[in-house]
Protein backbone atom coordinates (compact mmCIF):
# COMPACT_ATOMS: atom_id res chain seq x y z
CA MET A 1 75.00 62.75 278.93
CA LEU A 2 78.10 60.64 276.52
CA ARG A 3 80.41 63.76 276.13
CA ILE A 4 83.26 63.34 273.27
CA ALA A 5 85.94 65.37 272.61
CA ILE A 6 87.40 65.64 269.39
CA THR A 7 91.07 66.98 269.29
CA GLY A 8 93.86 67.20 267.35
CA GLY A 9 97.08 69.09 266.12
CA ILE A 10 96.62 72.55 264.15
CA GLY A 11 95.79 71.41 260.29
CA SER A 12 94.90 67.91 261.06
CA GLY A 13 91.36 67.83 260.38
CA LYS A 14 89.64 68.08 263.44
CA THR A 15 87.30 70.90 261.12
CA ALA A 16 86.40 68.00 258.45
CA VAL A 17 84.96 65.71 261.38
CA THR A 18 83.28 68.23 263.63
CA ASN A 19 82.23 69.51 259.95
CA TYR A 20 80.48 65.41 259.12
CA LEU A 21 79.15 65.13 262.46
CA GLU A 22 77.02 68.62 262.11
CA TYR A 23 76.07 67.16 258.50
CA LEU A 24 74.80 63.97 260.57
CA GLY A 25 72.79 66.06 262.91
CA PHE A 26 75.14 65.70 266.08
CA THR A 27 75.63 68.50 268.13
CA VAL A 28 79.25 70.41 268.48
CA VAL A 29 80.54 72.60 270.76
CA ASP A 30 83.94 74.04 269.01
CA ALA A 31 86.45 75.76 271.60
CA ASP A 32 87.92 77.64 268.30
CA VAL A 33 84.56 79.38 267.93
CA ILE A 34 84.39 80.20 271.06
CA SER A 35 87.84 81.81 271.65
CA ARG A 36 86.73 84.05 268.16
CA GLU A 37 83.75 85.36 269.86
CA MET A 38 85.74 86.02 272.66
CA THR A 39 88.43 87.76 270.99
CA GLY A 40 86.28 89.48 268.31
CA PRO A 41 84.91 92.93 268.55
CA GLY A 42 83.46 93.47 271.65
CA GLY A 43 84.22 89.83 272.99
CA CYS A 44 84.31 89.49 276.70
CA ALA A 45 88.28 88.81 276.67
CA ILE A 46 89.43 91.73 274.25
CA GLU A 47 89.68 94.13 277.77
CA ARG A 48 91.79 92.24 279.68
CA ILE A 49 94.35 91.31 276.54
CA ALA A 50 94.35 94.85 275.63
CA GLU A 51 95.02 95.66 279.19
CA VAL A 52 98.33 92.60 279.38
CA PHE A 53 99.40 93.17 276.25
CA GLY A 54 98.63 96.96 275.23
CA PRO A 55 96.20 98.63 272.72
CA ASP A 56 97.54 97.55 269.61
CA ILE A 57 96.80 93.83 270.32
CA ALA A 58 93.45 94.81 271.17
CA SER A 59 90.95 96.64 271.41
CA ILE A 60 86.93 96.68 271.85
CA GLU A 61 86.37 98.39 268.72
CA LYS A 62 88.38 96.23 266.39
CA GLY A 63 89.19 93.03 268.49
CA LEU A 64 92.06 91.04 268.42
CA SER A 65 95.09 91.25 266.10
CA ARG A 66 95.40 87.93 264.99
CA GLU A 67 98.47 88.48 263.48
CA TYR A 68 100.36 90.44 265.82
CA ILE A 69 99.37 88.16 268.90
CA ARG A 70 100.35 84.91 266.69
CA THR A 71 103.99 86.63 265.67
CA LEU A 72 104.47 87.21 269.44
CA ILE A 73 103.10 84.21 271.17
CA PHE A 74 104.97 82.03 269.35
CA SER A 75 108.01 83.48 269.94
CA ASN A 76 107.88 84.22 273.44
CA ASN A 77 106.53 81.08 275.88
CA GLU A 78 105.82 83.43 278.55
CA MET A 79 103.55 85.64 276.58
CA LYS A 80 101.88 82.40 275.31
CA GLN A 81 100.90 81.41 278.79
CA LYS A 82 99.36 85.21 279.54
CA PHE A 83 97.49 85.06 276.95
CA GLU A 84 96.78 81.31 276.80
CA ASP A 85 95.72 82.06 280.59
CA ILE A 86 93.13 84.53 279.56
CA VAL A 87 91.54 83.01 276.52
CA THR A 88 91.79 79.32 277.10
CA LYS A 89 90.14 79.30 280.80
CA SER A 90 87.81 81.21 279.46
CA VAL A 91 86.67 79.05 276.73
CA ILE A 92 86.89 76.37 279.39
CA LYS A 93 84.68 78.12 281.83
CA THR A 94 82.18 78.53 278.51
CA ILE A 95 82.38 75.30 277.70
CA ASN A 96 81.40 73.71 280.94
CA ARG A 97 78.70 75.80 281.33
CA ILE A 98 77.12 74.86 277.71
CA LEU A 99 77.48 71.06 278.18
CA LYS A 100 75.23 71.38 281.44
CA GLY A 101 72.75 73.21 279.47
CA TYR A 102 72.73 70.41 277.45
CA GLU A 103 72.96 67.80 279.72
CA LEU A 104 69.61 69.33 281.68
CA SER A 105 68.07 69.97 278.47
CA GLY A 106 68.46 65.95 278.02
CA LYS A 107 70.81 65.65 275.13
CA SER A 108 72.10 62.21 274.52
CA ALA A 109 75.30 62.85 273.18
CA VAL A 110 77.48 66.40 272.44
CA PHE A 111 80.80 66.82 271.10
CA VAL A 112 83.27 68.95 271.65
CA ALA A 113 86.27 70.29 269.71
CA ALA A 114 89.28 71.25 271.92
CA PRO A 115 92.73 71.59 270.38
CA LEU A 116 94.44 71.76 273.75
CA LEU A 117 92.45 69.20 275.44
CA PHE A 118 95.68 67.44 276.64
CA GLU A 119 97.57 70.60 277.02
CA TYR A 120 95.20 71.81 279.69
CA ASP A 121 94.15 68.41 280.93
CA MET A 122 90.89 68.65 280.21
CA GLN A 123 90.58 64.79 278.84
CA ASP A 124 89.45 63.73 282.52
CA ASP A 125 85.96 65.71 281.83
CA PHE A 126 85.11 63.62 278.70
CA ASP A 127 84.27 60.05 278.36
CA ALA A 128 86.26 59.43 275.24
CA VAL A 129 88.89 61.90 273.36
CA TRP A 130 89.03 61.05 269.27
CA LEU A 131 92.47 61.97 268.62
CA VAL A 132 92.76 63.23 264.65
CA VAL A 133 96.25 63.31 263.12
CA ALA A 134 97.82 63.29 259.99
CA ASP A 135 101.43 63.51 258.44
CA GLU A 136 102.92 67.36 259.18
CA ALA A 137 103.60 67.91 255.81
CA LYS A 138 100.01 67.52 254.72
CA ARG A 139 99.12 69.69 258.02
CA ILE A 140 101.71 72.11 256.75
CA ALA A 141 99.98 72.14 253.38
CA ARG A 142 96.32 72.56 254.61
CA VAL A 143 97.18 75.36 257.10
CA ALA A 144 99.23 77.39 254.68
CA GLU A 145 96.81 76.98 252.01
CA ARG A 146 94.03 77.80 254.72
CA ASP A 147 95.44 80.68 256.52
CA GLY A 148 97.94 81.85 254.57
CA LEU A 149 100.88 81.08 256.66
CA ASP A 150 104.35 80.45 255.87
CA ALA A 151 105.65 77.06 256.89
CA GLU A 152 108.04 78.40 259.52
CA MET A 153 105.02 79.76 261.71
CA ILE A 154 103.32 76.64 261.07
CA THR A 155 106.02 74.95 262.33
CA ARG A 156 106.51 76.71 265.33
CA ILE A 157 102.72 76.70 266.14
CA ILE A 158 103.37 72.60 265.65
CA ASP A 159 106.14 72.38 267.99
CA SER A 160 104.36 74.57 270.66
CA GLN A 161 101.59 71.63 270.83
CA LEU A 162 101.96 67.95 272.15
CA SER A 163 103.35 65.86 269.37
CA ASP A 164 100.57 63.40 268.12
CA GLU A 165 102.52 60.41 269.67
CA GLU A 166 102.09 61.86 273.17
CA LYS A 167 98.91 62.78 271.84
CA SER A 168 98.14 59.32 270.97
CA LEU A 169 98.86 57.52 274.59
CA LEU A 170 95.84 59.91 276.32
CA ALA A 171 93.19 59.57 273.31
CA SER A 172 90.47 57.11 273.33
CA ASP A 173 90.54 56.55 269.59
CA ILE A 174 92.48 58.02 266.70
CA ILE A 175 91.24 59.17 263.36
CA GLU A 176 94.03 59.02 260.94
CA ASN A 177 93.61 61.98 258.16
CA ASN A 178 95.83 61.64 255.39
CA SER A 179 93.42 60.34 252.55
CA THR A 180 90.63 61.70 250.78
CA VAL A 181 87.36 62.84 252.78
CA ASP A 182 85.67 59.73 252.28
CA HIS A 183 88.37 57.93 254.12
CA LEU A 184 87.92 60.03 257.10
CA LYS A 185 84.28 59.78 257.21
CA ASP A 186 84.25 55.93 256.87
CA ALA A 187 86.59 56.35 259.84
CA VAL A 188 84.22 58.38 261.55
CA ASN A 189 81.56 56.27 261.18
CA VAL A 190 83.07 53.38 262.49
CA LEU A 191 83.42 55.10 265.79
CA LEU A 192 79.87 56.42 265.78
CA ASP A 193 78.98 52.34 265.53
CA LYS A 194 81.53 51.39 268.35
CA TYR A 195 79.92 54.14 270.28
CA LYS A 196 76.29 53.11 269.42
CA LEU A 197 76.01 56.61 268.40
CA GLY A 198 73.16 57.80 265.68
CA PRO A 199 72.24 61.16 264.23
């Protein structure tokens, strides 16, 4: 089974790529979706998060207070590491379990959207890594419109991740997303042809 990771910094356009792949009929496993399920009401990571960070941060009934945790972890590297040790490592285990199931079922190719792929040295688990990149100003504007965050918080998040330059050295392929959606789709189509993938 061909395993291809889709990664990139916040606001780069990973979701636009994976939405298009799903539209074409490909199987996509999204680390962010798994993470949200784990940290939502009744999620499997909530009890441990509340234990480490306190009941104001998370509860079984309400799930994770995303605004509260975002403010906390992106102003404190130690807290950020503690949070990621709880959530990200659980997400990685879940992804591996899902991929094993797809492999056993005879699936020929699976895409995995993983924002922190390089930060957690996961790249060697994949046959290829497609990195989505975009100008920082465009990324900030996209996230501000999507999530309602201010530019200062978005910049903090960007600065907490590896730079596009660092990621580019580790990626198999780079998708630039500074233009239109059609341009982005064309770039994905080129890579699908390169890897001889059909829906």
